[in-house]
């Protein structure tokens, strides 16, 4: 396994809090591979939340039933 591959595995295995520390620990911003891993995780979270957001949006659009006030 090459060094970049090993680093990618290491980054993937870091807990979120440690990844944030690594990203914030470098003057001038995170290194590209750290930023890539952070974006990957955000995309994963977004994909998991998409159905929930859809349900909440649908619930907001439901009509008021039994005279309940908004």
Protein backbone atom coordinates (compact mmCIF):
# COMPACT_ATOMS: atom_id res chain seq x y z
CA UNK A 1 0.00 0.00 0.00
CA UNK A 2 1.40 3.41 -0.95
CA UNK A 3 1.82 6.23 1.54
CA UNK A 4 -1.16 8.20 0.16
CA UNK A 5 -3.31 5.05 0.39
CA UNK A 6 -2.19 4.48 3.98
CA UNK A 7 -2.98 8.09 4.84
CA UNK A 8 -6.43 7.80 3.24
CA UNK A 9 -7.17 4.73 5.37
CA UNK A 10 -5.91 6.56 8.46
CA UNK A 11 -8.12 9.57 7.72
CA UNK A 12 -11.17 7.34 7.13
CA UNK A 13 -10.63 5.69 10.51
CA UNK A 14 -10.31 8.91 12.48
CA UNK A 15 -13.31 9.85 14.61
CA UNK A 16 -15.05 13.03 13.42
CA UNK A 17 -13.62 15.11 16.27
CA UNK A 18 -10.06 14.08 15.43
CA UNK A 19 -10.58 14.75 11.72
CA UNK A 20 -11.73 18.26 12.63
CA UNK A 21 -8.60 18.73 14.77
CA UNK A 22 -6.40 17.61 11.87
CA UNK A 23 -8.25 19.96 9.51
CA UNK A 24 -7.95 22.94 11.85
CA UNK A 25 -4.39 22.21 12.94
CA UNK A 26 -2.69 23.41 9.78
CA UNK A 27 -2.00 27.07 9.11
CA UNK A 28 -3.51 28.01 5.76
CA UNK A 29 -6.31 25.45 5.91
CA UNK A 30 -6.59 21.70 5.71
CA UNK A 31 -4.52 19.62 3.35
CA UNK A 32 -6.42 18.49 0.24
CA UNK A 33 -6.77 14.87 1.38
CA UNK A 34 -8.14 15.97 4.76
CA UNK A 35 -10.63 18.26 3.02
CA UNK A 36 -11.62 15.43 0.66
CA UNK A 37 -12.34 13.14 3.62
CA UNK A 38 -14.38 15.84 5.38
CA UNK A 39 -16.44 16.41 2.22
CA UNK A 40 -16.96 12.65 1.81
CA UNK A 41 -18.32 12.43 5.36
CA UNK A 42 -20.60 15.41 4.85
CA UNK A 43 -21.97 13.83 1.68
CA UNK A 44 -22.61 10.58 3.58
CA UNK A 45 -24.48 12.46 6.31
CA UNK A 46 -26.45 14.40 3.70
CA UNK A 47 -27.48 11.19 1.96
CA UNK A 48 -28.63 9.70 5.27
CA UNK A 49 -30.60 12.83 6.21
CA UNK A 50 -32.29 13.28 2.82
CA UNK A 51 -35.21 10.91 3.61
CA UNK A 52 -35.75 12.58 7.00
CA UNK A 53 -35.80 16.03 5.43
CA UNK A 54 -38.35 14.75 2.92
CA UNK A 55 -40.58 13.46 5.72
CA UNK A 56 -40.36 16.74 7.63
CA UNK A 57 -41.14 18.73 4.50
CA UNK A 58 -44.12 16.49 3.73
CA UNK A 59 -45.39 16.85 7.32
CA UNK A 60 -45.19 20.64 7.07
CA UNK A 61 -47.35 20.53 3.95
CA UNK A 62 -50.07 18.36 5.51
CA UNK A 63 -53.42 20.03 6.09
CA UNK A 64 -54.57 20.87 9.62
CA UNK A 65 -56.92 18.16 10.90
CA UNK A 66 -59.68 18.35 13.56
CA UNK A 67 -59.52 22.12 13.88
CA UNK A 68 -56.01 22.12 15.32
CA UNK A 69 -54.45 25.55 15.24
CA UNK A 70 -51.18 26.28 13.55
